[in-house]
Amino acid sequence: MKIRMIVAAAVAATAAVIGSTTAVQAATTVQAAHQPAKHLPSTVKAWSAAWSGTDPAALGKLFTANGTYTDHAIGATMTGREQIAGWKARTDSMIENVHVTVRAAWRDGGHHITIRGVYAGHIKGAPKPFAVPSVTLLDTDGRRITANQDFYNLADVLAQSGLPADWTPSAG
């Protein structure tokens, strides 16, 4: 687990150091040069389909009753199926066509999965859509997700969207 956290932190730090312009170019290149990964673990397929779908409960159902979902870019953690489904519903209400494209996924032989992908959508009211590199760490109990940690660069999301760096969603 420590190695996975170090790798994820390194990926997040690298994305932050690279900067918005380079990350925008990298995300665009990734989208143009790669097709979605094939032969993925069933958990990854279900997770990606739930994020890219329109039924928030579908995401929540993938988790154990006390599973956690952490979005490190936003600094938020949700616990339990209801809160996780609520997070997906809130995301859907703020971001049009929100979706995840999985580029690769690795299972460590046990209950840990690392996903490399692109997180994309169009923040409602923003001038442009975004597509940023992302890394997700999933822990499972063999059947359901016990923990989900998402890493992506929020500054790149805002820059690509044409929003100021200090933008926050309006209440309501």
Protein backbone atom coordinates (compact mmCIF):
# COMPACT_ATOMS: atom_id res chain seq x y z
CA MET A 1 0.00 0.00 0.00
CA LYS A 2 2.85 2.43 0.82
CA ILE A 3 4.40 1.92 -2.61
CA ARG A 4 1.06 2.60 -4.32
CA MET A 5 0.65 5.82 -2.33
CA ILE A 6 4.18 6.92 -3.20
CA VAL A 7 3.58 6.23 -6.91
CA ALA A 8 0.27 8.12 -6.84
CA ALA A 9 1.87 11.05 -4.99
CA ALA A 10 4.70 11.11 -7.53
CA VAL A 11 2.22 11.16 -10.41
CA ALA A 12 0.24 13.98 -8.80
CA ALA A 13 3.41 15.96 -8.00
CA THR A 14 4.74 15.50 -11.53
CA ALA A 15 1.46 16.74 -12.98
CA ALA A 16 1.58 19.79 -10.70
CA VAL A 17 5.21 20.56 -11.63
CA ILE A 18 4.64 20.12 -15.36
CA GLY A 19 2.09 22.90 -15.32
CA SER A 20 -1.21 23.54 -17.02
CA THR A 21 -0.04 24.15 -20.58
CA THR A 22 2.07 21.02 -20.81
CA ALA A 23 -0.62 18.95 -19.09
CA VAL A 24 -3.22 20.27 -21.53
CA GLN A 25 -0.98 19.25 -24.42
CA ALA A 26 -0.32 15.87 -22.79
CA ALA A 27 -4.02 15.22 -22.22
CA THR A 28 -4.81 16.16 -25.80
CA THR A 29 -2.03 13.90 -27.06
CA VAL A 30 -3.23 11.05 -24.85
CA GLN A 31 -6.76 11.39 -26.21
CA ALA A 32 -5.63 11.50 -29.82
CA ALA A 33 -2.99 8.78 -29.63
CA HIS A 34 -4.65 6.07 -27.53
CA GLN A 35 -7.81 4.07 -27.60
CA PRO A 36 -9.44 2.92 -24.36
CA ALA A 37 -7.73 -0.09 -22.79
CA LYS A 38 -9.07 -3.56 -23.48
CA HIS A 39 -8.95 -6.68 -21.32
CA LEU A 40 -9.57 -4.84 -18.06
CA PRO A 41 -10.45 -6.41 -14.70
CA SER A 42 -14.24 -6.59 -14.28
CA THR A 43 -14.07 -4.20 -11.31
CA VAL A 44 -12.39 -1.57 -13.51
CA LYS A 45 -14.93 -2.02 -16.31
CA ALA A 46 -17.83 -1.61 -13.87
CA TRP A 47 -16.19 1.41 -12.16
CA SER A 48 -15.52 3.15 -15.49
CA ALA A 49 -19.03 2.43 -16.77
CA ALA A 50 -20.55 3.78 -13.55
CA TRP A 51 -18.50 6.99 -13.72
CA SER A 52 -19.31 7.45 -17.38
CA GLY A 53 -22.99 6.59 -16.90
CA THR A 54 -25.89 8.64 -15.61
CA ASP A 55 -27.06 6.50 -12.65
CA PRO A 56 -25.29 7.65 -9.46
CA ALA A 57 -26.52 4.55 -7.58
CA ALA A 58 -24.55 2.36 -10.02
CA LEU A 59 -21.30 3.80 -8.64
CA GLY A 60 -22.40 3.45 -5.02
CA LYS A 61 -23.37 -0.20 -5.53
CA LEU A 62 -19.77 -1.07 -6.46
CA PHE A 63 -18.60 -0.24 -2.92
CA THR A 64 -18.84 -2.07 0.38
CA ALA A 65 -21.32 -0.60 2.89
CA ASN A 66 -18.52 1.38 4.58
CA GLY A 67 -16.34 1.92 1.49
CA THR A 68 -14.60 5.26 1.01
CA TYR A 69 -14.18 7.48 -2.02
CA THR A 70 -11.49 10.18 -1.85
CA ASP A 71 -11.06 12.89 -4.47
CA HIS A 72 -7.61 14.25 -3.60
CA ALA A 73 -7.84 17.18 -6.05
CA ILE A 74 -10.95 18.51 -4.31
CA GLY A 75 -9.93 17.33 -0.83
CA ALA A 76 -13.15 15.43 -0.16
CA THR A 77 -13.85 11.94 1.19
CA MET A 78 -17.21 10.21 1.09
CA THR A 79 -18.05 7.12 3.15
CA GLY A 80 -20.69 4.54 2.33
CA ARG A 81 -22.75 3.84 -0.75
CA GLU A 82 -25.20 6.69 -0.21
CA GLN A 83 -22.52 9.38 0.11
CA ILE A 84 -20.59 7.97 -2.85
CA ALA A 85 -23.73 7.93 -5.01
CA GLY A 86 -24.41 11.48 -3.81
CA TRP A 87 -20.92 12.54 -4.91
CA LYS A 88 -21.56 11.12 -8.39
CA ALA A 89 -24.96 12.90 -8.52
CA ARG A 90 -23.33 16.21 -7.53
CA THR A 91 -20.62 15.70 -10.13
CA ASP A 92 -23.24 14.96 -12.81
CA SER A 93 -25.15 18.11 -11.87
CA MET A 94 -22.02 20.26 -12.29
CA ILE A 95 -20.18 18.58 -15.17
CA GLU A 96 -21.82 17.73 -18.49
CA ASN A 97 -20.70 14.52 -20.19
CA VAL A 98 -18.45 13.60 -17.27
CA HIS A 99 -16.59 10.41 -18.08
CA VAL A 100 -13.49 8.39 -17.43
CA THR A 101 -11.52 6.69 -20.18
CA VAL A 102 -9.28 3.93 -18.85
CA ARG A 103 -5.92 3.75 -20.62
CA ALA A 104 -4.43 0.94 -18.51
CA ALA A 105 -5.07 -0.92 -15.28
CA TRP A 106 -2.88 -3.13 -13.13
CA ARG A 107 -3.85 -5.54 -10.39
CA ASP A 108 -1.04 -6.25 -7.95
CA GLY A 109 -2.03 -9.89 -7.67
CA GLY A 110 -4.18 -9.21 -4.65
CA HIS A 111 -6.92 -6.74 -3.90
CA HIS A 112 -5.23 -3.55 -5.17
CA ILE A 113 -5.80 -2.05 -8.62
CA THR A 114 -4.09 0.98 -10.17
CA ILE A 115 -5.89 2.73 -13.05
CA ARG A 116 -4.33 5.22 -15.46
CA GLY A 117 -6.89 7.20 -17.39
CA VAL A 118 -8.36 10.47 -18.58
CA TYR A 119 -11.02 12.32 -16.57
CA ALA A 120 -13.10 14.52 -18.88
CA GLY A 121 -16.25 16.59 -19.14
CA HIS A 122 -17.55 20.15 -19.46
CA ILE A 123 -18.13 22.17 -16.29
CA LYS A 124 -21.51 23.84 -16.68
CA GLY A 125 -21.02 27.51 -17.52
CA ALA A 126 -17.35 27.07 -18.47
CA PRO A 127 -16.28 28.15 -21.95
CA LYS A 128 -14.51 24.87 -22.82
CA PRO A 129 -14.45 21.17 -21.87
CA PHE A 130 -11.53 19.51 -20.07
CA ALA A 131 -9.68 16.20 -20.37
CA VAL A 132 -6.93 15.60 -17.82
CA PRO A 133 -4.70 12.64 -16.96
CA SER A 134 -5.80 10.79 -13.85
CA VAL A 135 -4.68 7.96 -11.60
CA THR A 136 -7.07 5.97 -9.43
CA LEU A 137 -6.15 3.49 -6.71
CA LEU A 138 -8.80 0.91 -5.87
CA ASP A 139 -8.74 -1.45 -2.91
CA THR A 140 -11.25 -4.30 -2.95
CA ASP A 141 -12.42 -7.10 -0.72
CA GLY A 142 -12.40 -9.38 -3.76
CA ARG A 143 -15.96 -8.45 -4.79
CA ARG A 144 -16.57 -4.81 -3.97
CA ILE A 145 -14.48 -1.65 -3.71
CA THR A 146 -13.42 -0.82 -0.15
CA ALA A 147 -11.47 2.34 -1.02
CA ASN A 148 -11.14 4.58 -4.08
CA GLN A 149 -8.53 7.33 -4.30
CA ASP A 150 -8.59 9.67 -7.32
CA PHE A 151 -5.62 11.83 -8.29
CA TYR A 152 -5.73 14.49 -11.02
CA ASN A 153 -4.65 18.12 -11.31
CA LEU A 154 -7.53 20.49 -10.48
CA ALA A 155 -5.53 23.46 -11.79
CA ASP A 156 -5.44 21.77 -15.21
CA VAL A 157 -9.19 21.10 -15.09
CA LEU A 158 -9.84 24.79 -14.45
CA ALA A 159 -7.28 26.04 -16.99
CA GLN A 160 -8.56 23.78 -19.75
CA SER A 161 -12.13 24.81 -18.89
CA GLY A 162 -11.21 28.48 -19.26
CA LEU A 163 -11.96 29.19 -15.59
CA PRO A 164 -9.80 31.17 -13.15
CA ALA A 165 -7.56 29.24 -10.77
CA ASP A 166 -9.61 30.40 -7.77
CA TRP A 167 -12.97 29.37 -9.27
CA THR A 168 -15.39 27.52 -7.03
CA PRO A 169 -18.84 26.20 -7.90
CA SER A 170 -21.78 28.38 -6.99
CA ALA A 171 -23.94 27.25 -4.09
CA GLY A 172 -27.17 25.64 -5.18
